[in-house]
Amino acid sequence: MVKATFVPGRKLSIQGFILSGHAQYAPHGEDIVCAGISGLSLGIANGLAEFLASRVNVQQGANGWLAVRVVEEACSAEDLCRADTLLRTLRLGLEQIAQRYPGSLDIIESEVFPDDSL
């Protein structure tokens, strides 16, 4: 199962997220759930990196691990608006995937980044 952890910020409804695991919906290379989650999350991470540049931390690791955190203190009001829209779009997309493919994705809220890596 993929675990998506969303962390609220002081200025943003979602400051960042961490994804880990695999959906295990189908064999490796054929898993449309993992592909959808990966495509959506990497697209959002790339969009944040493009629009916010150094005001976002993005880390990628083994086994589908991806962590993204917006540095709120360094963002203008316009940056915060862009980030909020992108992160809420990610959350919406993942919620829809979780509804369509039960047991493949667990969405969690956390007050802090679980591993404090960002």
PDB file of N, CA and C in Angstrom:
ATOM      1  N   MET A   1       0.840  -1.178   0.000  1.00  0.00           N
ATOM      2  CA  MET A   1       0.000   0.000   0.000  1.00  0.00           C
ATOM      3  C   MET A   1       0.889   1.247   0.000  1.00  0.00           C
ATOM      4  N   VAL A   2       0.459   2.250  -0.742  1.00  0.00           N
ATOM      5  CA  VAL A   2       1.141   3.539  -0.740  1.00  0.00           C
ATOM      6  C   VAL A   2       0.623   4.330   0.462  1.00  0.00           C
ATOM      7  N   LYS A   3       1.533   4.974   1.151  1.00  0.00           N
ATOM      8  CA  LYS A   3       1.181   5.838   2.276  1.00  0.00           C
ATOM      9  C   LYS A   3       1.499   7.273   1.872  1.00  0.00           C
ATOM     10  N   ALA A   4       0.477   8.127   1.897  1.00  0.00           N
ATOM     11  CA  ALA A   4       0.644   9.551   1.597  1.00  0.00           C
ATOM     12  C   ALA A   4       0.400  10.327   2.878  1.00  0.00           C
ATOM     13  N   THR A   5       1.420  11.001   3.352  1.00  0.00           N
ATOM     14  CA  THR A   5       1.314  11.795   4.578  1.00  0.00           C
ATOM     15  C   THR A   5       1.350  13.266   4.205  1.00  0.00           C
ATOM     16  N   PHE A   6       0.300  13.989   4.591  1.00  0.00           N
ATOM     17  CA  PHE A   6       0.215  15.422   4.336  1.00  0.00           C
ATOM     18  C   PHE A   6       0.425  16.183   5.639  1.00  0.00           C
ATOM     19  N   VAL A   7       1.205  17.258   5.556  1.00  0.00           N
ATOM     20  CA  VAL A   7       1.531  18.064   6.732  1.00  0.00           C
ATOM     21  C   VAL A   7       1.050  19.495   6.498  1.00  0.00           C
ATOM     22  N   PRO A   8       0.191  20.001   7.381  1.00  0.00           N
ATOM     23  CA  PRO A   8      -0.254  21.390   7.237  1.00  0.00           C
ATOM     24  C   PRO A   8       0.861  22.361   7.634  1.00  0.00           C
ATOM     25  N   GLY A   9       0.764  23.562   7.138  1.00  0.00           N
ATOM     26  CA  GLY A   9       1.741  24.591   7.497  1.00  0.00           C
ATOM     27  C   GLY A   9       1.105  25.670   8.336  1.00  0.00           C
ATOM     28  N   ARG A  10       1.896  26.668   8.624  1.00  0.00           N
ATOM     29  CA  ARG A  10       1.371  27.824   9.364  1.00  0.00           C
ATOM     30  C   ARG A  10       0.613  28.764   8.430  1.00  0.00           C
ATOM     31  N   LYS A  11       1.071  28.842   7.185  1.00  0.00           N
ATOM     32  CA  LYS A  11       0.439  29.728   6.211  1.00  0.00           C
ATOM     33  C   LYS A  11      -0.317  28.964   5.122  1.00  0.00           C
ATOM     34  N   LEU A  12       0.015  27.715   4.931  1.00  0.00           N
ATOM     35  CA  LEU A  12      -0.580  26.885   3.888  1.00  0.00           C
ATOM     36  C   LEU A  12      -1.472  25.814   4.504  1.00  0.00           C
ATOM     37  N   SER A  13      -2.540  25.448   3.799  1.00  0.00           N
ATOM     38  CA  SER A  13      -3.366  24.336   4.280  1.00  0.00           C
ATOM     39  C   SER A  13      -2.574  23.033   4.227  1.00  0.00           C
ATOM     40  N   ILE A  14      -1.654  22.917   3.259  1.00  0.00           N
ATOM     41  CA  ILE A  14      -0.733  21.777   3.160  1.00  0.00           C
ATOM     42  C   ILE A  14       0.647  22.346   2.879  1.00  0.00           C
ATOM     43  N   GLN A  15       1.589  22.121   3.789  1.00  0.00           N
ATOM     44  CA  GLN A  15       2.951  22.612   3.580  1.00  0.00           C
ATOM     45  C   GLN A  15       3.779  21.632   2.766  1.00  0.00           C
ATOM     46  N   GLY A  16       3.441  20.359   2.865  1.00  0.00           N
ATOM     47  CA  GLY A  16       4.201  19.367   2.131  1.00  0.00           C
ATOM     48  C   GLY A  16       3.623  17.984   2.312  1.00  0.00           C
ATOM     49  N   PHE A  17       4.338  17.005   1.753  1.00  0.00           N
ATOM     50  CA  PHE A  17       3.865  15.626   1.799  1.00  0.00           C
ATOM     51  C   PHE A  17       5.033  14.662   1.698  1.00  0.00           C
ATOM     52  N   ILE A  18       4.772  13.439   2.137  1.00  0.00           N
ATOM     53  CA  ILE A  18       5.713  12.338   1.977  1.00  0.00           C
ATOM     54  C   ILE A  18       4.929  11.157   1.423  1.00  0.00           C
ATOM     55  N   LEU A  19       5.455  10.550   0.371  1.00  0.00           N
ATOM     56  CA  LEU A  19       4.872   9.340  -0.204  1.00  0.00           C
ATOM     57  C   LEU A  19       5.860   8.205  -0.036  1.00  0.00           C
ATOM     58  N   SER A  20       5.332   7.027   0.283  1.00  0.00           N
ATOM     59  CA  SER A  20       6.194   5.849   0.376  1.00  0.00           C
ATOM     60  C   SER A  20       5.380   4.600   0.080  1.00  0.00           C
ATOM     61  N   GLY A  21       6.067   3.573  -0.365  1.00  0.00           N
ATOM     62  CA  GLY A  21       5.435   2.289  -0.598  1.00  0.00           C
ATOM     63  C   GLY A  21       4.971   2.083  -2.027  1.00  0.00           C
ATOM     64  N   HIS A  22       4.307   0.947  -2.226  1.00  0.00           N
ATOM     65  CA  HIS A  22       3.781   0.572  -3.539  1.00  0.00           C
ATOM     66  C   HIS A  22       2.336   0.133  -3.399  1.00  0.00           C
ATOM     67  N   ALA A  23       1.535   0.393  -4.411  1.00  0.00           N
ATOM     68  CA  ALA A  23       0.109   0.068  -4.370  1.00  0.00           C
ATOM     69  C   ALA A  23      -0.135  -1.435  -4.408  1.00  0.00           C
ATOM     70  N   GLN A  24       0.720  -2.165  -5.108  1.00  0.00           N
ATOM     71  CA  GLN A  24       0.582  -3.615  -5.258  1.00  0.00           C
ATOM     72  C   GLN A  24      -0.762  -3.994  -5.865  1.00  0.00           C
ATOM     73  N   TYR A  25      -1.253  -3.141  -6.735  1.00  0.00           N
ATOM     74  CA  TYR A  25      -2.511  -3.404  -7.437  1.00  0.00           C
ATOM     75  C   TYR A  25      -2.298  -4.430  -8.545  1.00  0.00           C
ATOM     76  N   ALA A  26      -1.118  -4.400  -9.149  1.00  0.00           N
ATOM     77  CA  ALA A  26      -0.771  -5.300 -10.246  1.00  0.00           C
ATOM     78  C   ALA A  26       0.730  -5.553 -10.204  1.00  0.00           C
ATOM     79  N   PRO A  27       1.230  -6.508 -11.003  1.00  0.00           N
ATOM     80  CA  PRO A  27       2.669  -6.768 -11.022  1.00  0.00           C
ATOM     81  C   PRO A  27       3.484  -5.525 -11.387  1.00  0.00           C
ATOM     82  N   HIS A  28       4.733  -5.508 -10.924  1.00  0.00           N
ATOM     83  CA  HIS A  28       5.650  -4.413 -11.224  1.00  0.00           C
ATOM     84  C   HIS A  28       5.670  -4.153 -12.734  1.00  0.00           C
ATOM     85  N   GLY A  29       5.574  -2.897 -13.097  1.00  0.00           N
ATOM     86  CA  GLY A  29       5.566  -2.513 -14.507  1.00  0.00           C
ATOM     87  C   GLY A  29       4.186  -2.479 -15.126  1.00  0.00           C
ATOM     88  N   GLU A  30       3.182  -3.006 -14.426  1.00  0.00           N
ATOM     89  CA  GLU A  30       1.814  -3.018 -14.923  1.00  0.00           C
ATOM     90  C   GLU A  30       0.844  -2.353 -13.957  1.00  0.00           C
ATOM     91  N   ASP A  31       1.353  -1.798 -12.886  1.00  0.00           N
ATOM     92  CA  ASP A  31       0.510  -1.266 -11.806  1.00  0.00           C
ATOM     93  C   ASP A  31       0.040   0.144 -12.147  1.00  0.00           C
ATOM     94  N   ILE A  32      -1.203   0.252 -12.622  1.00  0.00           N
ATOM     95  CA  ILE A  32      -1.731   1.556 -13.018  1.00  0.00           C
ATOM     96  C   ILE A  32      -1.952   2.481 -11.824  1.00  0.00           C
ATOM     97  N   VAL A  33      -2.174   1.909 -10.643  1.00  0.00           N
ATOM     98  CA  VAL A  33      -2.374   2.736  -9.454  1.00  0.00           C
ATOM     99  C   VAL A  33      -1.054   3.413  -9.082  1.00  0.00           C
ATOM    100  N   CYS A  34       0.020   2.637  -9.019  1.00  0.00           N
ATOM    101  CA  CYS A  34       1.341   3.231  -8.734  1.00  0.00           C
ATOM    102  C   CYS A  34       1.719   4.251  -9.804  1.00  0.00           C
ATOM    103  N   ALA A  35       1.431   3.925 -11.042  1.00  0.00           N
ATOM    104  CA  ALA A  35       1.759   4.853 -12.129  1.00  0.00           C
ATOM    105  C   ALA A  35       0.981   6.161 -11.984  1.00  0.00           C
ATOM    106  N   GLY A  36      -0.284   6.070 -11.637  1.00  0.00           N
ATOM    107  CA  GLY A  36      -1.099   7.276 -11.447  1.00  0.00           C
ATOM    108  C   GLY A  36      -0.613   8.117 -10.289  1.00  0.00           C
ATOM    109  N   ILE A  37      -0.319   7.461  -9.168  1.00  0.00           N
ATOM    110  CA  ILE A  37       0.180   8.165  -7.982  1.00  0.00           C
ATOM    111  C   ILE A  37       1.525   8.814  -8.288  1.00  0.00           C
ATOM    112  N   SER A  38       2.403   8.072  -8.938  1.00  0.00           N
ATOM    113  CA  SER A  38       3.734   8.592  -9.274  1.00  0.00           C
ATOM    114  C   SER A  38       3.643   9.776 -10.232  1.00  0.00           C
ATOM    115  N   GLY A  39       2.852   9.622 -11.275  1.00  0.00           N
ATOM    116  CA  GLY A  39       2.720  10.698 -12.257  1.00  0.00           C
ATOM    117  C   GLY A  39       2.166  11.974 -11.646  1.00  0.00           C
ATOM    118  N   LEU A  40       1.125  11.813 -10.852  1.00  0.00           N
ATOM    119  CA  LEU A  40       0.504  12.976 -10.207  1.00  0.00           C
ATOM    120  C   LEU A  40       1.456  13.638  -9.218  1.00  0.00           C
ATOM    121  N   SER A  41       2.073  12.859  -8.356  1.00  0.00           N
ATOM    122  CA  SER A  41       2.936  13.430  -7.313  1.00  0.00           C
ATOM    123  C   SER A  41       4.218  14.032  -7.892  1.00  0.00           C
ATOM    124  N   LEU A  42       4.807  13.370  -8.867  1.00  0.00           N
ATOM    125  CA  LEU A  42       6.021  13.927  -9.479  1.00  0.00           C
ATOM    126  C   LEU A  42       5.701  15.179 -10.296  1.00  0.00           C
ATOM    127  N   GLY A  43       4.549  15.193 -10.948  1.00  0.00           N
ATOM    128  CA  GLY A  43       4.129  16.399 -11.677  1.00  0.00           C
ATOM    129  C   GLY A  43       3.955  17.588 -10.748  1.00  0.00           C
ATOM    130  N   ILE A  44       3.332  17.354  -9.602  1.00  0.00           N
ATOM    131  CA  ILE A  44       3.166  18.434  -8.615  1.00  0.00           C
ATOM    132  C   ILE A  44       4.517  18.857  -8.052  1.00  0.00           C
ATOM    133  N   ALA A  45       5.366  17.887  -7.707  1.00  0.00           N
ATOM    134  CA  ALA A  45       6.696  18.214  -7.181  1.00  0.00           C
ATOM    135  C   ALA A  45       7.498  19.026  -8.192  1.00  0.00           C
ATOM    136  N   ASN A  46       7.440  18.640  -9.464  1.00  0.00           N
ATOM    137  CA  ASN A  46       8.144  19.383 -10.506  1.00  0.00           C
ATOM    138  C   ASN A  46       7.560  20.777 -10.689  1.00  0.00           C
ATOM    139  N   GLY A  47       6.258  20.905 -10.612  1.00  0.00           N
ATOM    140  CA  GLY A  47       5.618  22.215 -10.713  1.00  0.00           C
ATOM    141  C   GLY A  47       6.036  23.127  -9.577  1.00  0.00           C
ATOM    142  N   LEU A  48       6.053  22.592  -8.361  1.00  0.00           N
ATOM    143  CA  LEU A  48       6.500  23.385  -7.211  1.00  0.00           C
ATOM    144  C   LEU A  48       7.954  23.812  -7.382  1.00  0.00           C
ATOM    145  N   ALA A  49       8.793  22.886  -7.814  1.00  0.00           N
ATOM    146  CA  ALA A  49      10.213  23.211  -8.007  1.00  0.00           C
ATOM    147  C   ALA A  49      10.394  24.274  -9.093  1.00  0.00           C
ATOM    148  N   GLU A  50       9.599  24.197 -10.144  1.00  0.00           N
ATOM    149  CA  GLU A  50       9.693  25.169 -11.242  1.00  0.00           C
ATOM    150  C   GLU A  50       9.223  26.557 -10.807  1.00  0.00           C
ATOM    151  N   PHE A  51       8.077  26.619 -10.128  1.00  0.00           N
ATOM    152  CA  PHE A  51       7.494  27.911  -9.773  1.00  0.00           C
ATOM    153  C   PHE A  51       8.081  28.522  -8.511  1.00  0.00           C
ATOM    154  N   LEU A  52       8.556  27.679  -7.584  1.00  0.00           N
ATOM    155  CA  LEU A  52       9.063  28.202  -6.315  1.00  0.00           C
ATOM    156  C   LEU A  52      10.581  28.151  -6.198  1.00  0.00           C
ATOM    157  N   ALA A  53      11.237  27.452  -7.097  1.00  0.00           N
ATOM    158  CA  ALA A  53      12.699  27.321  -7.120  1.00  0.00           C
ATOM    159  C   ALA A  53      13.253  26.929  -5.757  1.00  0.00           C
ATOM    160  N   SER A  54      14.040  27.765  -5.148  1.00  0.00           N
ATOM    161  CA  SER A  54      14.712  27.409  -3.893  1.00  0.00           C
ATOM    162  C   SER A  54      13.787  27.461  -2.680  1.00  0.00           C
ATOM    163  N   ARG A  55      12.540  27.816  -2.894  1.00  0.00           N
ATOM    164  CA  ARG A  55      11.599  27.911  -1.769  1.00  0.00           C
ATOM    165  C   ARG A  55      10.841  26.603  -1.535  1.00  0.00           C
ATOM    166  N   VAL A  56      11.323  25.520  -2.139  1.00  0.00           N
ATOM    167  CA  VAL A  56      10.738  24.197  -1.925  1.00  0.00           C
ATOM    168  C   VAL A  56      11.871  23.172  -1.844  1.00  0.00           C
ATOM    169  N   ASN A  57      11.730  22.231  -0.926  1.00  0.00           N
ATOM    170  CA  ASN A  57      12.691  21.131  -0.801  1.00  0.00           C
ATOM    171  C   ASN A  57      12.027  19.872  -1.352  1.00  0.00           C
ATOM    172  N   VAL A  58      12.716  19.215  -2.288  1.00  0.00           N
ATOM    173  CA  VAL A  58      12.216  17.974  -2.876  1.00  0.00           C
ATOM    174  C   VAL A  58      13.294  16.926  -2.726  1.00  0.00           C
ATOM    175  N   GLN A  59      12.917  15.778  -2.167  1.00  0.00           N
ATOM    176  CA  GLN A  59      13.843  14.654  -2.038  1.00  0.00           C
ATOM    177  C   GLN A  59      13.155  13.405  -2.547  1.00  0.00           C
ATOM    178  N   GLN A  60      13.935  12.580  -3.249  1.00  0.00           N
ATOM    179  CA  GLN A  60      13.413  11.335  -3.788  1.00  0.00           C
ATOM    180  C   GLN A  60      14.339  10.214  -3.346  1.00  0.00           C
ATOM    181  N   GLY A  61      13.758   9.081  -2.991  1.00  0.00           N
ATOM    182  CA  GLY A  61      14.561   7.949  -2.536  1.00  0.00           C
ATOM    183  C   GLY A  61      14.075   6.647  -3.136  1.00  0.00           C
ATOM    184  N   ALA A  62      14.534   5.567  -2.566  1.00  0.00           N
ATOM    185  CA  ALA A  62      14.215   4.228  -3.051  1.00  0.00           C
ATOM    186  C   ALA A  62      12.774   3.841  -2.723  1.00  0.00           C
ATOM    187  N   ASN A  63      12.268   2.878  -3.464  1.00  0.00           N
ATOM    188  CA  ASN A  63      10.958   2.268  -3.212  1.00  0.00           C
ATOM    189  C   ASN A  63       9.801   3.260  -3.234  1.00  0.00           C
ATOM    190  N   GLY A  64       9.850   4.224  -4.147  1.00  0.00           N
ATOM    191  CA  GLY A  64       8.743   5.154  -4.308  1.00  0.00           C
ATOM    192  C   GLY A  64       8.688   6.274  -3.297  1.00  0.00           C
ATOM    193  N   TRP A  65       9.742   6.459  -2.514  1.00  0.00           N
ATOM    194  CA  TRP A  65       9.745   7.497  -1.477  1.00  0.00           C
ATOM    195  C   TRP A  65       9.957   8.869  -2.110  1.00  0.00           C
ATOM    196  N   LEU A  66       9.071   9.807  -1.777  1.00  0.00           N
ATOM    197  CA  LEU A  66       9.168  11.177  -2.270  1.00  0.00           C
ATOM    198  C   LEU A  66       8.722  12.099  -1.147  1.00  0.00           C
ATOM    199  N   ALA A  67       9.520  13.119  -0.868  1.00  0.00           N
ATOM    200  CA  ALA A  67       9.178  14.090   0.170  1.00  0.00           C
ATOM    201  C   ALA A  67       9.298  15.499  -0.412  1.00  0.00           C
ATOM    202  N   VAL A  68       8.289  16.320  -0.134  1.00  0.00           N
ATOM    203  CA  VAL A  68       8.248  17.694  -0.631  1.00  0.00           C
ATOM    204  C   VAL A  68       7.801  18.593   0.510  1.00  0.00           C
ATOM    205  N   ARG A  69       8.530  19.698   0.680  1.00  0.00           N
ATOM    206  CA  ARG A  69       8.180  20.658   1.734  1.00  0.00           C
ATOM    207  C   ARG A  69       8.403  22.078   1.225  1.00  0.00           C
ATOM    208  N   VAL A  70       7.371  22.896   1.312  1.00  0.00           N
ATOM    209  CA  VAL A  70       7.467  24.301   0.925  1.00  0.00           C
ATOM    210  C   VAL A  70       8.041  25.084   2.104  1.00  0.00           C
ATOM    211  N   VAL A  71       9.035  25.919   1.829  1.00  0.00           N
ATOM    212  CA  VAL A  71       9.637  26.773   2.852  1.00  0.00           C
ATOM    213  C   VAL A  71       8.778  28.046   2.909  1.00  0.00           C
ATOM    214  N   GLU A  72       7.767  27.999   3.762  1.00  0.00           N
ATOM    215  CA  GLU A  72       6.766  29.070   3.808  1.00  0.00           C
ATOM    216  C   GLU A  72       7.374  30.441   4.079  1.00  0.00           C
ATOM    217  N   GLU A  73       8.338  30.493   4.978  1.00  0.00           N
ATOM    218  CA  GLU A  73       8.928  31.773   5.382  1.00  0.00           C
ATOM    219  C   GLU A  73       9.590  32.503   4.218  1.00  0.00           C
ATOM    220  N   ALA A  74      10.032  31.749   3.208  1.00  0.00           N
ATOM    221  CA  ALA A  74      10.733  32.344   2.078  1.00  0.00           C
ATOM    222  C   ALA A  74       9.801  32.695   0.916  1.00  0.00           C
ATOM    223  N   CYS A  75       8.506  32.414   1.062  1.00  0.00           N
ATOM    224  CA  CYS A  75       7.553  32.592  -0.034  1.00  0.00           C
ATOM    225  C   CYS A  75       6.803  33.916   0.041  1.00  0.00           C
ATOM    226  N   SER A  76       6.571  34.476  -1.122  1.00  0.00           N
ATOM    227  CA  SER A  76       5.695  35.646  -1.222  1.00  0.00           C
ATOM    228  C   SER A  76       4.241  35.168  -1.153  1.00  0.00           C
ATOM    229  N   ALA A  77       3.318  36.092  -1.065  1.00  0.00           N
ATOM    230  CA  ALA A  77       1.897  35.739  -1.058  1.00  0.00           C
ATOM    231  C   ALA A  77       1.513  35.024  -2.348  1.00  0.00           C
ATOM    232  N   GLU A  78       2.086  35.447  -3.459  1.00  0.00           N
ATOM    233  CA  GLU A  78       1.816  34.796  -4.746  1.00  0.00           C
ATOM    234  C   GLU A  78       2.361  33.366  -4.764  1.00  0.00           C
ATOM    235  N   ASP A  79       3.573  33.181  -4.229  1.00  0.00           N
ATOM    236  CA  ASP A  79       4.152  31.833  -4.128  1.00  0.00           C
ATOM    237  C   ASP A  79       3.269  30.921  -3.285  1.00  0.00           C
ATOM    238  N   LEU A  80       2.788  31.440  -2.166  1.00  0.00           N
ATOM    239  CA  LEU A  80       1.942  30.653  -1.269  1.00  0.00           C
ATOM    240  C   LEU A  80       0.645  30.252  -1.966  1.00  0.00           C
ATOM    241  N   CYS A  81       0.084  31.131  -2.758  1.00  0.00           N
ATOM    242  CA  CYS A  81      -1.138  30.837  -3.491  1.00  0.00           C
ATOM    243  C   CYS A  81      -0.896  29.720  -4.510  1.00  0.00           C
ATOM    244  N   ARG A  82       0.208  29.823  -5.240  1.00  0.00           N
ATOM    245  CA  ARG A  82       0.562  28.773  -6.211  1.00  0.00           C
ATOM    246  C   ARG A  82       0.769  27.436  -5.521  1.00  0.00           C
ATOM    247  N   ALA A  83       1.546  27.455  -4.443  1.00  0.00           N
ATOM    248  CA  ALA A  83       1.847  26.217  -3.718  1.00  0.00           C
ATOM    249  C   ALA A  83       0.572  25.594  -3.168  1.00  0.00           C
ATOM    250  N   ASP A  84      -0.286  26.406  -2.591  1.00  0.00           N
ATOM    251  CA  ASP A  84      -1.524  25.897  -2.011  1.00  0.00           C
ATOM    252  C   ASP A  84      -2.396  25.239  -3.076  1.00  0.00           C
ATOM    253  N   THR A  85      -2.491  25.869  -4.231  1.00  0.00           N
ATOM    254  CA  THR A  85      -3.294  25.306  -5.319  1.00  0.00           C
ATOM    255  C   THR A  85      -2.727  23.970  -5.786  1.00  0.00           C
ATOM    256  N   LEU A  86      -1.427  23.907  -5.977  1.00  0.00           N
ATOM    257  CA  LEU A  86      -0.806  22.658  -6.436  1.00  0.00           C
ATOM    258  C   LEU A  86      -0.945  21.547  -5.392  1.00  0.00           C
ATOM    259  N   LEU A  87      -0.674  21.848  -4.139  1.00  0.00           N
ATOM    260  CA  LEU A  87      -0.734  20.818  -3.099  1.00  0.00           C
ATOM    261  C   LEU A  87      -2.165  20.336  -2.852  1.00  0.00           C
ATOM    262  N   ARG A  88      -3.125  21.234  -2.916  1.00  0.00           N
ATOM    263  CA  ARG A  88      -4.534  20.825  -2.755  1.00  0.00           C
ATOM    264  C   ARG A  88      -4.995  19.995  -3.956  1.00  0.00           C
ATOM    265  N   THR A  89      -4.462  20.292  -5.138  1.00  0.00           N
ATOM    266  CA  THR A  89      -4.764  19.496  -6.327  1.00  0.00           C
ATOM    267  C   THR A  89      -4.215  18.082  -6.163  1.00  0.00           C
ATOM    268  N   LEU A  90      -3.006  17.963  -5.637  1.00  0.00           N
ATOM    269  CA  LEU A  90      -2.434  16.647  -5.366  1.00  0.00           C
ATOM    270  C   LEU A  90      -3.316  15.871  -4.396  1.00  0.00           C
ATOM    271  N   ARG A  91      -3.688  16.506  -3.307  1.00  0.00           N
ATOM    272  CA  ARG A  91      -4.525  15.839  -2.300  1.00  0.00           C
ATOM    273  C   ARG A  91      -5.839  15.354  -2.920  1.00  0.00           C
ATOM    274  N   LEU A  92      -6.477  16.197  -3.702  1.00  0.00           N
ATOM    275  CA  LEU A  92      -7.731  15.844  -4.360  1.00  0.00           C
ATOM    276  C   LEU A  92      -7.532  14.638  -5.289  1.00  0.00           C
ATOM    277  N   GLY A  93      -6.493  14.682  -6.093  1.00  0.00           N
ATOM    278  CA  GLY A  93      -6.215  13.580  -7.015  1.00  0.00           C
ATOM    279  C   GLY A  93      -5.953  12.272  -6.292  1.00  0.00           C
ATOM    280  N   LEU A  94      -5.173  12.334  -5.214  1.00  0.00           N
ATOM    281  CA  LEU A  94      -4.885  11.119  -4.453  1.00  0.00           C
ATOM    282  C   LEU A  94      -6.133  10.597  -3.747  1.00  0.00           C
ATOM    283  N   GLU A  95      -6.984  11.484  -3.253  1.00  0.00           N
ATOM    284  CA  GLU A  95      -8.236  11.044  -2.630  1.00  0.00           C
ATOM    285  C   GLU A  95      -9.110  10.311  -3.649  1.00  0.00           C
ATOM    286  N   GLN A  96      -9.133  10.796  -4.880  1.00  0.00           N
ATOM    287  CA  GLN A  96      -9.919  10.142  -5.919  1.00  0.00           C
ATOM    288  C   GLN A  96      -9.345   8.772  -6.272  1.00  0.00           C
ATOM    289  N   ILE A  97      -8.025   8.662  -6.318  1.00  0.00           N
ATOM    290  CA  ILE A  97      -7.396   7.358  -6.566  1.00  0.00           C
ATOM    291  C   ILE A  97      -7.717   6.400  -5.423  1.00  0.00           C
ATOM    292  N   ALA A  98      -7.641   6.877  -4.191  1.00  0.00           N
ATOM    293  CA  ALA A  98      -7.933   6.028  -3.024  1.00  0.00           C
ATOM    294  C   ALA A  98      -9.373   5.525  -3.054  1.00  0.00           C
ATOM    295  N   GLN A  99     -10.301   6.360  -3.487  1.00  0.00           N
ATOM    296  CA  GLN A  99     -11.705   5.942  -3.582  1.00  0.00           C
ATOM    297  C   GLN A  99     -11.909   4.913  -4.681  1.00  0.00           C
ATOM    298  N   ARG A 100     -11.230   5.109  -5.789  1.00  0.00           N
ATOM    299  CA  ARG A 100     -11.397   4.214  -6.953  1.00  0.00           C
ATOM    300  C   ARG A 100     -10.705   2.880  -6.744  1.00  0.00           C
ATOM    301  N   TYR A 101      -9.603   2.870  -6.000  1.00  0.00           N
ATOM    302  CA  TYR A 101      -8.808   1.654  -5.793  1.00  0.00           C
ATOM    303  C   TYR A 101      -8.590   1.431  -4.295  1.00  0.00           C
ATOM    304  N   PRO A 102      -9.642   1.038  -3.578  1.00  0.00           N
ATOM    305  CA  PRO A 102      -9.533   0.839  -2.118  1.00  0.00           C
ATOM    306  C   PRO A 102      -8.427  -0.149  -1.758  1.00  0.00           C
ATOM    307  N   GLY A 103      -7.735   0.152  -0.662  1.00  0.00           N
ATOM    308  CA  GLY A 103      -6.671  -0.721  -0.193  1.00  0.00           C
ATOM    309  C   GLY A 103      -5.328  -0.488  -0.859  1.00  0.00           C
ATOM    310  N   SER A 104      -5.274   0.451  -1.803  1.00  0.00           N
ATOM    311  CA  SER A 104      -4.019   0.728  -2.507  1.00  0.00           C
ATOM    312  C   SER A 104      -3.292   1.953  -1.980  1.00  0.00           C
ATOM    313  N   LEU A 105      -4.033   2.847  -1.322  1.00  0.00           N
ATOM    314  CA  LEU A 105      -3.469   4.128  -0.908  1.00  0.00           C
ATOM    315  C   LEU A 105      -4.082   4.548   0.427  1.00  0.00           C
ATOM    316  N   ASP A 106      -3.223   4.875   1.363  1.00  0.00           N
ATOM    317  CA  ASP A 106      -3.653   5.359   2.674  1.00  0.00           C
ATOM    318  C   ASP A 106      -3.214   6.812   2.802  1.00  0.00           C
ATOM    319  N   ILE A 107      -4.174   7.717   3.037  1.00  0.00           N
ATOM    320  CA  ILE A 107      -3.881   9.148   3.169  1.00  0.00           C
ATOM    321  C   ILE A 107      -3.941   9.506   4.645  1.00  0.00           C
ATOM    322  N   ILE A 108      -2.865  10.128   5.126  1.00  0.00           N
ATOM    323  CA  ILE A 108      -2.695  10.420   6.548  1.00  0.00           C
ATOM    324  C   ILE A 108      -2.408  11.902   6.727  1.00  0.00           C
ATOM    325  N   GLU A 109      -2.905  12.460   7.818  1.00  0.00           N
ATOM    326  CA  GLU A 109      -2.570  13.827   8.235  1.00  0.00           C
ATOM    327  C   GLU A 109      -1.560  13.733   9.374  1.00  0.00           C
ATOM    328  N   SER A 110      -0.542  14.569   9.347  1.00  0.00           N
ATOM    329  CA  SER A 110       0.440  14.621  10.420  1.00  0.00           C
ATOM    330  C   SER A 110       0.741  16.073  10.733  1.00  0.00           C
ATOM    331  N   GLU A 111       0.914  16.390  11.990  1.00  0.00           N
ATOM    332  CA  GLU A 111       1.221  17.769  12.384  1.00  0.00           C
ATOM    333  C   GLU A 111       2.674  18.143  12.094  1.00  0.00           C
ATOM    334  N   VAL A 112       3.539  17.153  11.973  1.00  0.00           N
ATOM    335  CA  VAL A 112       4.961  17.372  11.684  1.00  0.00           C
ATOM    336  C   VAL A 112       5.408  16.374  10.631  1.00  0.00           C
ATOM    337  N   PHE A 113       6.507  16.671   9.973  1.00  0.00           N
ATOM    338  CA  PHE A 113       7.071  15.717   9.018  1.00  0.00           C
ATOM    339  C   PHE A 113       7.601  14.529   9.805  1.00  0.00           C
ATOM    340  N   PRO A 114       7.139  13.324   9.495  1.00  0.00           N
ATOM    341  CA  PRO A 114       7.435  12.138  10.283  1.00  0.00           C
ATOM    342  C   PRO A 114       8.917  11.885  10.575  1.00  0.00           C
ATOM    343  N   ASP A 115       9.761  12.070   9.570  1.00  0.00           N
ATOM    344  CA  ASP A 115      11.174  11.767   9.779  1.00  0.00           C
ATOM    345  C   ASP A 115      12.036  13.018   9.885  1.00  0.00           C
ATOM    346  N   ASP A 116      11.412  14.171   9.858  1.00  0.00           N
ATOM    347  CA  ASP A 116      12.104  15.457   9.979  1.00  0.00           C
ATOM    348  C   ASP A 116      13.270  15.577   8.999  1.00  0.00           C
ATOM    349  N   SER A 117      13.139  14.936   7.812  1.00  0.00           N
ATOM    350  CA  SER A 117      14.221  14.941   6.836  1.00  0.00           C
ATOM    351  C   SER A 117      14.251  16.196   5.979  1.00  0.00           C
ATOM    352  N   LEU A 118      13.176  16.932   5.984  1.00  0.00           N
ATOM    353  CA  LEU A 118      13.137  18.134   5.145  1.00  0.00           C
ATOM    354  C   LEU A 118      13.273  19.345   6.031  1.00  0.00           C
TER     355      LEU A 118
END
